Amino acid sequence: MTIRCATRATYLYKGTKFKSLMENIIGETYLGIKIFRFYLNCTNCSAQITYKTNPKDSDYIVESGAIWADKQKEIIGGDAIKSVENRNLESERVMDIVVASHELKQLKSRQANLNA
């Protein structure tokens, strides 16, 4: 998993090795599977980050000190798609204006030739 430290916005990328403490969360299980909590420190600012296992979704849940970088990318990606769509609409509008302007110039040129 790739997470981003909430304190200094440092990314901890998937596959990065770091020291962490693990504890069994007593009383929390999913279909008999134990749930574990992990404590680690940011490699840049030493802020504490905690997350726990989520066997229901075969994933992890960030509890404090960080946010999911993948989910942030999804949000940014959604905004990027919307931005591209808006740019495409704007480009189409500009092209329509250019075509209309060209047609007006041709019409004026024909009128000038008729009046001459």
PDB file of N, CA and C in Angstrom:
ATOM      1  N   MET A   1       0.841  -1.180   0.000  1.00  0.00           N
ATOM      2  CA  MET A   1       0.000   0.000   0.000  1.00  0.00           C
ATOM      3  C   MET A   1       0.881   1.236   0.000  1.00  0.00           C
ATOM      4  N   THR A   2       0.437   2.275  -0.627  1.00  0.00           N
ATOM      5  CA  THR A   2       1.140   3.549  -0.634  1.00  0.00           C
ATOM      6  C   THR A   2       0.323   4.524   0.196  1.00  0.00           C
ATOM      7  N   ILE A   3       0.965   5.094   1.216  1.00  0.00           N
ATOM      8  CA  ILE A   3       0.282   6.069   2.065  1.00  0.00           C
ATOM      9  C   ILE A   3       1.085   7.361   2.074  1.00  0.00           C
ATOM     10  N   ARG A   4       0.409   8.439   2.482  1.00  0.00           N
ATOM     11  CA  ARG A   4       1.049   9.743   2.561  1.00  0.00           C
ATOM     12  C   ARG A   4       0.941  10.245   3.987  1.00  0.00           C
ATOM     13  N   CYS A   5       2.058  10.629   4.563  1.00  0.00           N
ATOM     14  CA  CYS A   5       2.088  11.147   5.932  1.00  0.00           C
ATOM     15  C   CYS A   5       1.249  12.413   6.005  1.00  0.00           C
ATOM     16  N   ALA A   6       0.386  12.502   7.002  1.00  0.00           N
ATOM     17  CA  ALA A   6      -0.482  13.671   7.146  1.00  0.00           C
ATOM     18  C   ALA A   6       0.276  14.878   7.682  1.00  0.00           C
ATOM     19  N   THR A   7       1.424  14.669   8.294  1.00  0.00           N
ATOM     20  CA  THR A   7       2.178  15.772   8.881  1.00  0.00           C
ATOM     21  C   THR A   7       3.000  16.517   7.845  1.00  0.00           C
ATOM     22  N   ARG A   8       3.810  15.790   7.087  1.00  0.00           N
ATOM     23  CA  ARG A   8       4.716  16.437   6.133  1.00  0.00           C
ATOM     24  C   ARG A   8       4.461  16.047   4.680  1.00  0.00           C
ATOM     25  N   ALA A   9       3.420  15.297   4.421  1.00  0.00           N
ATOM     26  CA  ALA A   9       3.047  14.871   3.066  1.00  0.00           C
ATOM     27  C   ALA A   9       4.118  14.010   2.400  1.00  0.00           C
ATOM     28  N   THR A  10       4.883  13.283   3.193  1.00  0.00           N
ATOM     29  CA  THR A  10       5.879  12.358   2.664  1.00  0.00           C
ATOM     30  C   THR A  10       5.182  11.065   2.257  1.00  0.00           C
ATOM     31  N   TYR A  11       5.542  10.532   1.098  1.00  0.00           N
ATOM     32  CA  TYR A  11       4.953   9.284   0.639  1.00  0.00           C
ATOM     33  C   TYR A  11       5.746   8.102   1.160  1.00  0.00           C
ATOM     34  N   LEU A  12       5.041   7.112   1.654  1.00  0.00           N
ATOM     35  CA  LEU A  12       5.627   5.823   2.019  1.00  0.00           C
ATOM     36  C   LEU A  12       5.096   4.838   0.980  1.00  0.00           C
ATOM     37  N   TYR A  13       5.939   4.485   0.035  1.00  0.00           N
ATOM     38  CA  TYR A  13       5.510   3.711  -1.113  1.00  0.00           C
ATOM     39  C   TYR A  13       5.402   2.225  -0.805  1.00  0.00           C
ATOM     40  N   LYS A  14       4.585   1.559  -1.573  1.00  0.00           N
ATOM     41  CA  LYS A  14       4.414   0.125  -1.473  1.00  0.00           C
ATOM     42  C   LYS A  14       5.776  -0.530  -1.666  1.00  0.00           C
ATOM     43  N   GLY A  15       6.124  -1.436  -0.765  1.00  0.00           N
ATOM     44  CA  GLY A  15       7.387  -2.140  -0.854  1.00  0.00           C
ATOM     45  C   GLY A  15       8.508  -1.498  -0.058  1.00  0.00           C
ATOM     46  N   THR A  16       8.262  -0.305   0.514  1.00  0.00           N
ATOM     47  CA  THR A  16       9.280   0.347   1.335  1.00  0.00           C
ATOM     48  C   THR A  16       9.408  -0.407   2.650  1.00  0.00           C
ATOM     49  N   LYS A  17      10.623  -0.687   3.052  1.00  0.00           N
ATOM     50  CA  LYS A  17      10.835  -1.393   4.310  1.00  0.00           C
ATOM     51  C   LYS A  17      10.958  -0.386   5.436  1.00  0.00           C
ATOM     52  N   PHE A  18      10.292  -0.669   6.535  1.00  0.00           N
ATOM     53  CA  PHE A  18      10.373   0.183   7.716  1.00  0.00           C
ATOM     54  C   PHE A  18      10.082  -0.667   8.932  1.00  0.00           C
ATOM     55  N   LYS A  19      10.512  -0.190  10.083  1.00  0.00           N
ATOM     56  CA  LYS A  19      10.254  -0.910  11.326  1.00  0.00           C
ATOM     57  C   LYS A  19       8.854  -0.564  11.803  1.00  0.00           C
ATOM     58  N   SER A  20       8.151  -1.563  12.273  1.00  0.00           N
ATOM     59  CA  SER A  20       6.811  -1.322  12.803  1.00  0.00           C
ATOM     60  C   SER A  20       6.557  -2.256  13.981  1.00  0.00           C
ATOM     61  N   LEU A  21       5.643  -1.847  14.805  1.00  0.00           N
ATOM     62  CA  LEU A  21       5.185  -2.686  15.914  1.00  0.00           C
ATOM     63  C   LEU A  21       3.817  -3.226  15.541  1.00  0.00           C
ATOM     64  N   MET A  22       3.555  -4.478  15.916  1.00  0.00           N
ATOM     65  CA  MET A  22       2.285  -5.098  15.602  1.00  0.00           C
ATOM     66  C   MET A  22       1.624  -5.542  16.899  1.00  0.00           C
ATOM     67  N   GLU A  23       0.305  -5.319  16.983  1.00  0.00           N
ATOM     68  CA  GLU A  23      -0.426  -5.820  18.143  1.00  0.00           C
ATOM     69  C   GLU A  23      -1.715  -6.494  17.674  1.00  0.00           C
ATOM     70  N   ASN A  24      -2.108  -7.525  18.386  1.00  0.00           N
ATOM     71  CA  ASN A  24      -3.364  -8.210  18.129  1.00  0.00           C
ATOM     72  C   ASN A  24      -4.468  -7.400  18.802  1.00  0.00           C
ATOM     73  N   ILE A  25      -5.494  -7.025  18.052  1.00  0.00           N
ATOM     74  CA  ILE A  25      -6.601  -6.276  18.632  1.00  0.00           C
ATOM     75  C   ILE A  25      -7.549  -7.291  19.268  1.00  0.00           C
ATOM     76  N   ILE A  26      -7.551  -7.324  20.574  1.00  0.00           N
ATOM     77  CA  ILE A  26      -8.345  -8.303  21.312  1.00  0.00           C
ATOM     78  C   ILE A  26      -9.827  -7.962  21.174  1.00  0.00           C
ATOM     79  N   GLY A  27     -10.617  -8.967  20.856  1.00  0.00           N
ATOM     80  CA  GLY A  27     -12.058  -8.783  20.747  1.00  0.00           C
ATOM     81  C   GLY A  27     -12.523  -8.386  19.356  1.00  0.00           C
ATOM     82  N   GLU A  28     -11.593  -8.127  18.443  1.00  0.00           N
ATOM     83  CA  GLU A  28     -11.968  -7.779  17.071  1.00  0.00           C
ATOM     84  C   GLU A  28     -11.512  -8.895  16.147  1.00  0.00           C
ATOM     85  N   THR A  29     -12.489  -9.531  15.505  1.00  0.00           N
ATOM     86  CA  THR A  29     -12.185 -10.561  14.516  1.00  0.00           C
ATOM     87  C   THR A  29     -13.177 -10.437  13.380  1.00  0.00           C
ATOM     88  N   TYR A  30     -12.849 -11.061  12.269  1.00  0.00           N
ATOM     89  CA  TYR A  30     -13.777 -11.151  11.150  1.00  0.00           C
ATOM     90  C   TYR A  30     -13.805 -12.601  10.703  1.00  0.00           C
ATOM     91  N   LEU A  31     -14.928 -13.253  10.923  1.00  0.00           N
ATOM     92  CA  LEU A  31     -15.105 -14.675  10.602  1.00  0.00           C
ATOM     93  C   LEU A  31     -13.978 -15.515  11.201  1.00  0.00           C
ATOM     94  N   GLY A  32     -13.588 -15.194  12.416  1.00  0.00           N
ATOM     95  CA  GLY A  32     -12.557 -15.939  13.113  1.00  0.00           C
ATOM     96  C   GLY A  32     -11.134 -15.524  12.771  1.00  0.00           C
ATOM     97  N   ILE A  33     -10.978 -14.562  11.870  1.00  0.00           N
ATOM     98  CA  ILE A  33      -9.638 -14.083  11.489  1.00  0.00           C
ATOM     99  C   ILE A  33      -9.256 -12.938  12.412  1.00  0.00           C
ATOM    100  N   LYS A  34      -8.075 -13.029  13.001  1.00  0.00           N
ATOM    101  CA  LYS A  34      -7.608 -11.972  13.898  1.00  0.00           C
ATOM    102  C   LYS A  34      -7.331 -10.691  13.116  1.00  0.00           C
ATOM    103  N   ILE A  35      -7.555  -9.569  13.768  1.00  0.00           N
ATOM    104  CA  ILE A  35      -7.250  -8.266  13.191  1.00  0.00           C
ATOM    105  C   ILE A  35      -6.061  -7.697  13.952  1.00  0.00           C
ATOM    106  N   PHE A  36      -5.088  -7.190  13.209  1.00  0.00           N
ATOM    107  CA  PHE A  36      -3.867  -6.662  13.802  1.00  0.00           C
ATOM    108  C   PHE A  36      -3.757  -5.161  13.548  1.00  0.00           C
ATOM    109  N   ARG A  37      -3.130  -4.461  14.488  1.00  0.00           N
ATOM    110  CA  ARG A  37      -2.861  -3.032  14.352  1.00  0.00           C
ATOM    111  C   ARG A  37      -1.340  -2.863  14.244  1.00  0.00           C
ATOM    112  N   PHE A  38      -0.921  -1.977  13.348  1.00  0.00           N
ATOM    113  CA  PHE A  38       0.495  -1.711  13.139  1.00  0.00           C
ATOM    114  C   PHE A  38       0.803  -0.257  13.481  1.00  0.00           C
ATOM    115  N   TYR A  39       1.932  -0.056  14.122  1.00  0.00           N
ATOM    116  CA  TYR A  39       2.425   1.280  14.449  1.00  0.00           C
ATOM    117  C   TYR A  39       3.754   1.461  13.730  1.00  0.00           C
ATOM    118  N   LEU A  40       3.913   2.562  13.030  1.00  0.00           N
ATOM    119  CA  LEU A  40       5.182   2.863  12.384  1.00  0.00           C
ATOM    120  C   LEU A  40       5.420   4.358  12.424  1.00  0.00           C
ATOM    121  N   ASN A  41       6.639   4.750  12.163  1.00  0.00           N
ATOM    122  CA  ASN A  41       6.985   6.167  12.122  1.00  0.00           C
ATOM    123  C   ASN A  41       7.304   6.568  10.699  1.00  0.00           C
ATOM    124  N   CYS A  42       6.908   7.785  10.335  1.00  0.00           N
ATOM    125  CA  CYS A  42       7.224   8.335   9.019  1.00  0.00           C
ATOM    126  C   CYS A  42       8.745   8.379   8.877  1.00  0.00           C
ATOM    127  N   THR A  43       9.224   8.017   7.708  1.00  0.00           N
ATOM    128  CA  THR A  43      10.668   7.998   7.486  1.00  0.00           C
ATOM    129  C   THR A  43      11.262   9.394   7.416  1.00  0.00           C
ATOM    130  N   ASN A  44      10.436  10.419   7.197  1.00  0.00           N
ATOM    131  CA  ASN A  44      10.929  11.783   7.072  1.00  0.00           C
ATOM    132  C   ASN A  44      10.805  12.573   8.374  1.00  0.00           C
ATOM    133  N   CYS A  45       9.630  12.549   8.994  1.00  0.00           N
ATOM    134  CA  CYS A  45       9.390  13.414  10.153  1.00  0.00           C
ATOM    135  C   CYS A  45       9.170  12.652  11.460  1.00  0.00           C
ATOM    136  N   SER A  46       9.205  11.344  11.423  1.00  0.00           N
ATOM    137  CA  SER A  46       9.029  10.476  12.597  1.00  0.00           C
ATOM    138  C   SER A  46       7.647  10.578  13.247  1.00  0.00           C
ATOM    139  N   ALA A  47       6.657  11.107  12.540  1.00  0.00           N
ATOM    140  CA  ALA A  47       5.288  11.131  13.056  1.00  0.00           C
ATOM    141  C   ALA A  47       4.745   9.703  13.090  1.00  0.00           C
ATOM    142  N   GLN A  48       3.942   9.404  14.104  1.00  0.00           N
ATOM    143  CA  GLN A  48       3.421   8.045  14.231  1.00  0.00           C
ATOM    144  C   GLN A  48       2.222   7.837  13.310  1.00  0.00           C
ATOM    145  N   ILE A  49       2.227   6.708  12.641  1.00  0.00           N
ATOM    146  CA  ILE A  49       1.153   6.309  11.736  1.00  0.00           C
ATOM    147  C   ILE A  49       0.630   4.974  12.226  1.00  0.00           C
ATOM    148  N   THR A  50      -0.702   4.851  12.296  1.00  0.00           N
ATOM    149  CA  THR A  50      -1.286   3.573  12.696  1.00  0.00           C
ATOM    150  C   THR A  50      -2.269   3.110  11.630  1.00  0.00           C
ATOM    151  N   TYR A  51      -2.258   1.809  11.398  1.00  0.00           N
ATOM    152  CA  TYR A  51      -3.244   1.204  10.499  1.00  0.00           C
ATOM    153  C   TYR A  51      -3.511  -0.204  10.985  1.00  0.00           C
ATOM    154  N   LYS A  52      -4.636  -0.764  10.522  1.00  0.00           N
ATOM    155  CA  LYS A  52      -4.979  -2.124  10.927  1.00  0.00           C
ATOM    156  C   LYS A  52      -5.430  -2.926   9.720  1.00  0.00           C
ATOM    157  N   THR A  53      -5.399  -4.253   9.895  1.00  0.00           N
ATOM    158  CA  THR A  53      -5.795  -5.134   8.808  1.00  0.00           C
ATOM    159  C   THR A  53      -7.316  -5.110   8.659  1.00  0.00           C
ATOM    160  N   ASN A  54      -7.769  -5.359   7.439  1.00  0.00           N
ATOM    161  CA  ASN A  54      -9.184  -5.420   7.127  1.00  0.00           C
ATOM    162  C   ASN A  54      -9.426  -6.694   6.318  1.00  0.00           C
ATOM    163  N   PRO A  55      -9.580  -7.831   6.994  1.00  0.00           N
ATOM    164  CA  PRO A  55      -9.723  -9.095   6.268  1.00  0.00           C
ATOM    165  C   PRO A  55     -11.003  -9.181   5.428  1.00  0.00           C
ATOM    166  N   LYS A  56     -12.015  -8.421   5.781  1.00  0.00           N
ATOM    167  CA  LYS A  56     -13.261  -8.458   5.009  1.00  0.00           C
ATOM    168  C   LYS A  56     -13.014  -8.042   3.566  1.00  0.00           C
ATOM    169  N   ASP A  57     -12.210  -6.988   3.366  1.00  0.00           N
ATOM    170  CA  ASP A  57     -11.925  -6.486   2.025  1.00  0.00           C
ATOM    171  C   ASP A  57     -10.524  -6.844   1.546  1.00  0.00           C
ATOM    172  N   SER A  58      -9.814  -7.690   2.309  1.00  0.00           N
ATOM    173  CA  SER A  58      -8.422  -8.044   2.004  1.00  0.00           C
ATOM    174  C   SER A  58      -7.584  -6.785   1.801  1.00  0.00           C
ATOM    175  N   ASP A  59      -7.638  -5.885   2.768  1.00  0.00           N
ATOM    176  CA  ASP A  59      -7.007  -4.583   2.655  1.00  0.00           C
ATOM    177  C   ASP A  59      -6.552  -4.113   4.029  1.00  0.00           C
ATOM    178  N   TYR A  60      -6.174  -2.863   4.133  1.00  0.00           N
ATOM    179  CA  TYR A  60      -5.806  -2.228   5.390  1.00  0.00           C
ATOM    180  C   TYR A  60      -6.663  -0.989   5.597  1.00  0.00           C
ATOM    181  N   ILE A  61      -6.787  -0.561   6.848  1.00  0.00           N
ATOM    182  CA  ILE A  61      -7.497   0.673   7.184  1.00  0.00           C
ATOM    183  C   ILE A  61      -6.510   1.584   7.899  1.00  0.00           C
ATOM    184  N   VAL A  62      -6.252   2.753   7.329  1.00  0.00           N
ATOM    185  CA  VAL A  62      -5.369   3.719   7.979  1.00  0.00           C
ATOM    186  C   VAL A  62      -6.181   4.395   9.079  1.00  0.00           C
ATOM    187  N   GLU A  63      -5.684   4.326  10.296  1.00  0.00           N
ATOM    188  CA  GLU A  63      -6.414   4.888  11.437  1.00  0.00           C
ATOM    189  C   GLU A  63      -6.003   6.328  11.731  1.00  0.00           C
ATOM    190  N   SER A  64      -4.693   6.586  11.747  1.00  0.00           N
ATOM    191  CA  SER A  64      -4.260   7.949  12.060  1.00  0.00           C
ATOM    192  C   SER A  64      -2.875   8.215  11.505  1.00  0.00           C
ATOM    193  N   GLY A  65      -2.583   9.496  11.280  1.00  0.00           N
ATOM    194  CA  GLY A  65      -1.259   9.930  10.874  1.00  0.00           C
ATOM    195  C   GLY A  65      -0.974   9.888   9.394  1.00  0.00           C
ATOM    196  N   ALA A  66      -1.897   9.351   8.605  1.00  0.00           N
ATOM    197  CA  ALA A  66      -1.641   9.242   7.170  1.00  0.00           C
ATOM    198  C   ALA A  66      -2.960   9.150   6.414  1.00  0.00           C
ATOM    199  N   ILE A  67      -2.872   9.263   5.101  1.00  0.00           N
ATOM    200  CA  ILE A  67      -4.027   9.032   4.229  1.00  0.00           C
ATOM    201  C   ILE A  67      -3.578   8.101   3.100  1.00  0.00           C
ATOM    202  N   TRP A  68      -4.530   7.431   2.502  1.00  0.00           N
ATOM    203  CA  TRP A  68      -4.238   6.559   1.376  1.00  0.00           C
ATOM    204  C   TRP A  68      -3.831   7.404   0.189  1.00  0.00           C
ATOM    205  N   ALA A  69      -2.685   7.162  -0.367  1.00  0.00           N
ATOM    206  CA  ALA A  69      -2.252   7.890  -1.556  1.00  0.00           C
ATOM    207  C   ALA A  69      -3.047   7.428  -2.769  1.00  0.00           C
ATOM    208  N   ASP A  70      -3.419   6.143  -2.818  1.00  0.00           N
ATOM    209  CA  ASP A  70      -4.186   5.625  -3.942  1.00  0.00           C
ATOM    210  C   ASP A  70      -5.549   6.290  -4.020  1.00  0.00           C
ATOM    211  N   LYS A  71      -6.202   6.483  -2.880  1.00  0.00           N
ATOM    212  CA  LYS A  71      -7.516   7.128  -2.877  1.00  0.00           C
ATOM    213  C   LYS A  71      -7.390   8.591  -3.244  1.00  0.00           C
ATOM    214  N   GLN A  72      -6.293   9.227  -2.834  1.00  0.00           N
ATOM    215  CA  GLN A  72      -6.075  10.623  -3.203  1.00  0.00           C
ATOM    216  C   GLN A  72      -5.889  10.713  -4.719  1.00  0.00           C
ATOM    217  N   LYS A  73      -5.166   9.763  -5.301  1.00  0.00           N
ATOM    218  CA  LYS A  73      -4.974   9.768  -6.744  1.00  0.00           C
ATOM    219  C   LYS A  73      -6.298   9.589  -7.470  1.00  0.00           C
ATOM    220  N   GLU A  74      -7.186   8.753  -6.915  1.00  0.00           N
ATOM    221  CA  GLU A  74      -8.503   8.585  -7.531  1.00  0.00           C
ATOM    222  C   GLU A  74      -9.250   9.908  -7.542  1.00  0.00           C
ATOM    223  N   ILE A  75      -9.172  10.628  -6.428  1.00  0.00           N
ATOM    224  CA  ILE A  75      -9.854  11.919  -6.348  1.00  0.00           C
ATOM    225  C   ILE A  75      -9.239  12.890  -7.346  1.00  0.00           C
ATOM    226  N   ILE A  76      -7.904  12.960  -7.341  1.00  0.00           N
ATOM    227  CA  ILE A  76      -7.228  13.857  -8.270  1.00  0.00           C
ATOM    228  C   ILE A  76      -7.509  13.430  -9.696  1.00  0.00           C
ATOM    229  N   GLY A  77      -7.488  12.107  -9.929  1.00  0.00           N
ATOM    230  CA  GLY A  77      -7.765  11.597 -11.262  1.00  0.00           C
ATOM    231  C   GLY A  77      -9.152  11.986 -11.727  1.00  0.00           C
ATOM    232  N   GLY A  78     -10.140  11.942 -10.838  1.00  0.00           N
ATOM    233  CA  GLY A  78     -11.493  12.358 -11.191  1.00  0.00           C
ATOM    234  C   GLY A  78     -11.528  13.819 -11.576  1.00  0.00           C
ATOM    235  N   ASP A  79     -10.804  14.664 -10.834  1.00  0.00           N
ATOM    236  CA  ASP A  79     -10.734  16.078 -11.166  1.00  0.00           C
ATOM    237  C   ASP A  79     -10.015  16.283 -12.489  1.00  0.00           C
ATOM    238  N   ALA A  80      -9.000  15.480 -12.746  1.00  0.00           N
ATOM    239  CA  ALA A  80      -8.250  15.599 -13.992  1.00  0.00           C
ATOM    240  C   ALA A  80      -9.140  15.254 -15.180  1.00  0.00           C
ATOM    241  N   ILE A  81      -9.949  14.218 -15.024  1.00  0.00           N
ATOM    242  CA  ILE A  81     -10.857  13.836 -16.106  1.00  0.00           C
ATOM    243  C   ILE A  81     -11.864  14.949 -16.365  1.00  0.00           C
ATOM    244  N   LYS A  82     -12.397  15.509 -15.295  1.00  0.00           N
ATOM    245  CA  LYS A  82     -13.344  16.604 -15.443  1.00  0.00           C
ATOM    246  C   LYS A  82     -12.669  17.799 -16.117  1.00  0.00           C
ATOM    247  N   SER A  83     -11.415  18.059 -15.764  1.00  0.00           N
ATOM    248  CA  SER A  83     -10.665  19.166 -16.358  1.00  0.00           C
ATOM    249  C   SER A  83     -10.468  18.946 -17.856  1.00  0.00           C
ATOM    250  N   VAL A  84     -10.123  17.713 -18.232  1.00  0.00           N
ATOM    251  CA  VAL A  84      -9.934  17.403 -19.650  1.00  0.00           C
ATOM    252  C   VAL A  84     -11.248  17.549 -20.404  1.00  0.00           C
ATOM    253  N   GLU A  85     -12.337  17.079 -19.817  1.00  0.00           N
ATOM    254  CA  GLU A  85     -13.643  17.226 -20.462  1.00  0.00           C
ATOM    255  C   GLU A  85     -13.985  18.692 -20.661  1.00  0.00           C
ATOM    256  N   ASN A  86     -13.719  19.518 -19.648  1.00  0.00           N
ATOM    257  CA  ASN A  86     -13.996  20.953 -19.768  1.00  0.00           C
ATOM    258  C   ASN A  86     -13.128  21.585 -20.855  1.00  0.00           C
ATOM    259  N   ARG A  87     -11.861  21.175 -20.929  1.00  0.00           N
ATOM    260  CA  ARG A  87     -10.987  21.701 -21.982  1.00  0.00           C
ATOM    261  C   ARG A  87     -11.478  21.288 -23.361  1.00  0.00           C
ATOM    262  N   ASN A  88     -11.956  20.053 -23.490  1.00  0.00           N
ATOM    263  CA  ASN A  88     -12.489  19.595 -24.774  1.00  0.00           C
ATOM    264  C   ASN A  88     -13.713  20.405 -25.169  1.00  0.00           C
ATOM    265  N   LEU A  89     -14.603  20.656 -24.216  1.00  0.00           N
ATOM    266  CA  LEU A  89     -15.784  21.469 -24.514  1.00  0.00           C
ATOM    267  C   LEU A  89     -15.387  22.879 -24.933  1.00  0.00           C
ATOM    268  N   GLU A  90     -14.412  23.436 -24.232  1.00  0.00           N
ATOM    269  CA  GLU A  90     -13.928  24.785 -24.571  1.00  0.00           C
ATOM    270  C   GLU A  90     -13.296  24.796 -25.956  1.00  0.00           C
ATOM    271  N   SER A  91     -12.531  23.761 -26.289  1.00  0.00           N
ATOM    272  CA  SER A  91     -11.914  23.668 -27.614  1.00  0.00           C
ATOM    273  C   SER A  91     -12.975  23.577 -28.707  1.00  0.00           C
ATOM    274  N   GLU A  92     -14.009  22.784 -28.461  1.00  0.00           N
ATOM    275  CA  GLU A  92     -15.099  22.673 -29.437  1.00  0.00           C
ATOM    276  C   GLU A  92     -15.786  24.019 -29.630  1.00  0.00           C
ATOM    277  N   ARG A  93     -15.990  24.739 -28.537  1.00  0.00           N
ATOM    278  CA  ARG A  93     -16.630  26.048 -28.626  1.00  0.00           C
ATOM    279  C   ARG A  93     -15.761  27.022 -29.428  1.00  0.00           C
ATOM    280  N   VAL A  94     -14.467  27.009 -29.182  1.00  0.00           N
ATOM    281  CA  VAL A  94     -13.549  27.875 -29.919  1.00  0.00           C
ATOM    282  C   VAL A  94     -13.544  27.510 -31.395  1.00  0.00           C
ATOM    283  N   MET A  95     -13.529  26.223 -31.707  1.00  0.00           N
ATOM    284  CA  MET A  95     -13.552  25.795 -33.114  1.00  0.00           C
ATOM    285  C   MET A  95     -14.839  26.234 -33.809  1.00  0.00           C
ATOM    286  N   ASP A  96     -15.968  26.161 -33.103  1.00  0.00           N
ATOM    287  CA  ASP A  96     -17.226  26.636 -33.676  1.00  0.00           C
ATOM    288  C   ASP A  96     -17.158  28.127 -33.987  1.00  0.00           C
ATOM    289  N   ILE A  97     -16.534  28.890 -33.105  1.00  0.00           N
ATOM    290  CA  ILE A  97     -16.390  30.330 -33.321  1.00  0.00           C
ATOM    291  C   ILE A  97     -15.483  30.601 -34.512  1.00  0.00           C
ATOM    292  N   VAL A  98     -14.393  29.837 -34.646  1.00  0.00           N
ATOM    293  CA  VAL A  98     -13.462  30.016 -35.763  1.00  0.00           C
ATOM    294  C   VAL A  98     -14.162  29.690 -37.082  1.00  0.00           C
ATOM    295  N   VAL A  99     -14.922  28.605 -37.107  1.00  0.00           N
ATOM    296  CA  VAL A  99     -15.643  28.218 -38.329  1.00  0.00           C
ATOM    297  C   VAL A  99     -16.670  29.290 -38.699  1.00  0.00           C
ATOM    298  N   ALA A 100     -17.417  29.765 -37.707  1.00  0.00           N
ATOM    299  CA  ALA A 100     -18.416  30.813 -37.971  1.00  0.00           C
ATOM    300  C   ALA A 100     -17.741  32.084 -38.476  1.00  0.00           C
ATOM    301  N   SER A 101     -16.605  32.451 -37.913  1.00  0.00           N
ATOM    302  CA  SER A 101     -15.864  33.639 -38.347  1.00  0.00           C
ATOM    303  C   SER A 101     -15.392  33.480 -39.790  1.00  0.00           C
ATOM    304  N   HIS A 102     -14.882  32.295 -40.122  1.00  0.00           N
ATOM    305  CA  HIS A 102     -14.434  32.023 -41.495  1.00  0.00           C
ATOM    306  C   HIS A 102     -15.602  32.118 -42.475  1.00  0.00           C
ATOM    307  N   GLU A 103     -16.746  31.579 -42.104  1.00  0.00           N
ATOM    308  CA  GLU A 103     -17.931  31.648 -42.962  1.00  0.00           C
ATOM    309  C   GLU A 103     -18.373  33.092 -43.166  1.00  0.00           C
ATOM    310  N   LEU A 104     -18.308  33.915 -42.115  1.00  0.00           N
ATOM    311  CA  LEU A 104     -18.667  35.330 -42.242  1.00  0.00           C
ATOM    312  C   LEU A 104     -17.713  36.059 -43.182  1.00  0.00           C
ATOM    313  N   LYS A 105     -16.426  35.752 -43.087  1.00  0.00           N
ATOM    314  CA  LYS A 105     -15.450  36.377 -43.979  1.00  0.00           C
ATOM    315  C   LYS A 105     -15.732  36.010 -45.432  1.00  0.00           C
ATOM    316  N   GLN A 106     -16.054  34.732 -45.677  1.00  0.00           N
ATOM    317  CA  GLN A 106     -16.379  34.304 -47.033  1.00  0.00           C
ATOM    318  C   GLN A 106     -17.636  35.004 -47.542  1.00  0.00           C
ATOM    319  N   LEU A 107     -18.652  35.139 -46.692  1.00  0.00           N
ATOM    320  CA  LEU A 107     -19.889  35.809 -47.077  1.00  0.00           C
ATOM    321  C   LEU A 107     -19.635  37.278 -47.412  1.00  0.00           C
ATOM    322  N   LYS A 108     -18.822  37.954 -46.591  1.00  0.00           N
ATOM    323  CA  LYS A 108     -18.493  39.359 -46.852  1.00  0.00           C
ATOM    324  C   LYS A 108     -17.696  39.493 -48.146  1.00  0.00           C
ATOM    325  N   SER A 109     -16.794  38.520 -48.393  1.00  0.00           N
ATOM    326  CA  SER A 109     -16.009  38.556 -49.624  1.00  0.00           C
ATOM    327  C   SER A 109     -16.911  38.400 -50.818  1.00  0.00           C
ATOM    328  N   ARG A 110     -17.902  37.509 -50.774  1.00  0.00           N
ATOM    329  CA  ARG A 110     -18.852  37.328 -51.884  1.00  0.00           C
ATOM    330  C   ARG A 110     -19.688  38.574 -52.084  1.00  0.00           C
ATOM    331  N   GLN A 111     -20.124  39.193 -50.991  1.00  0.00           N
ATOM    332  CA  GLN A 111     -20.918  40.425 -51.089  1.00  0.00           C
ATOM    333  C   GLN A 111     -20.092  41.542 -51.690  1.00  0.00           C
ATOM    334  N   ALA A 112     -18.819  41.622 -51.336  1.00  0.00           N
ATOM    335  CA  ALA A 112     -17.949  42.649 -51.892  1.00  0.00           C
ATOM    336  C   ALA A 112     -17.763  42.434 -53.376  1.00  0.00           C
ATOM    337  N   ASN A 113     -17.637  41.161 -53.817  1.00  0.00           N
ATOM    338  CA  ASN A 113     -17.484  40.858 -55.241  1.00  0.00           C
ATOM    339  C   ASN A 113     -18.764  41.201 -56.015  1.00  0.00           C
ATOM    340  N   LEU A 114     -19.942  41.000 -55.394  1.00  0.00           N
ATOM    341  CA  LEU A 114     -21.221  41.324 -56.046  1.00  0.00           C
ATOM    342  C   LEU A 114     -21.390  42.837 -56.170  1.00  0.00           C
ATOM    343  N   ASN A 115     -20.956  43.586 -55.177  1.00  0.00           N
ATOM    344  CA  ASN A 115     -21.105  45.039 -55.197  1.00  0.00           C
ATOM    345  C   ASN A 115     -20.072  45.706 -56.109  1.00  0.00           C
ATOM    346  N   ALA A 116     -19.005  45.009 -56.433  1.00  0.00           N
ATOM    347  CA  ALA A 116     -17.966  45.624 -57.256  1.00  0.00           C
ATOM    348  C   ALA A 116     -18.277  45.602 -58.711  1.00  0.00           C
TER     349      ALA A 116
END
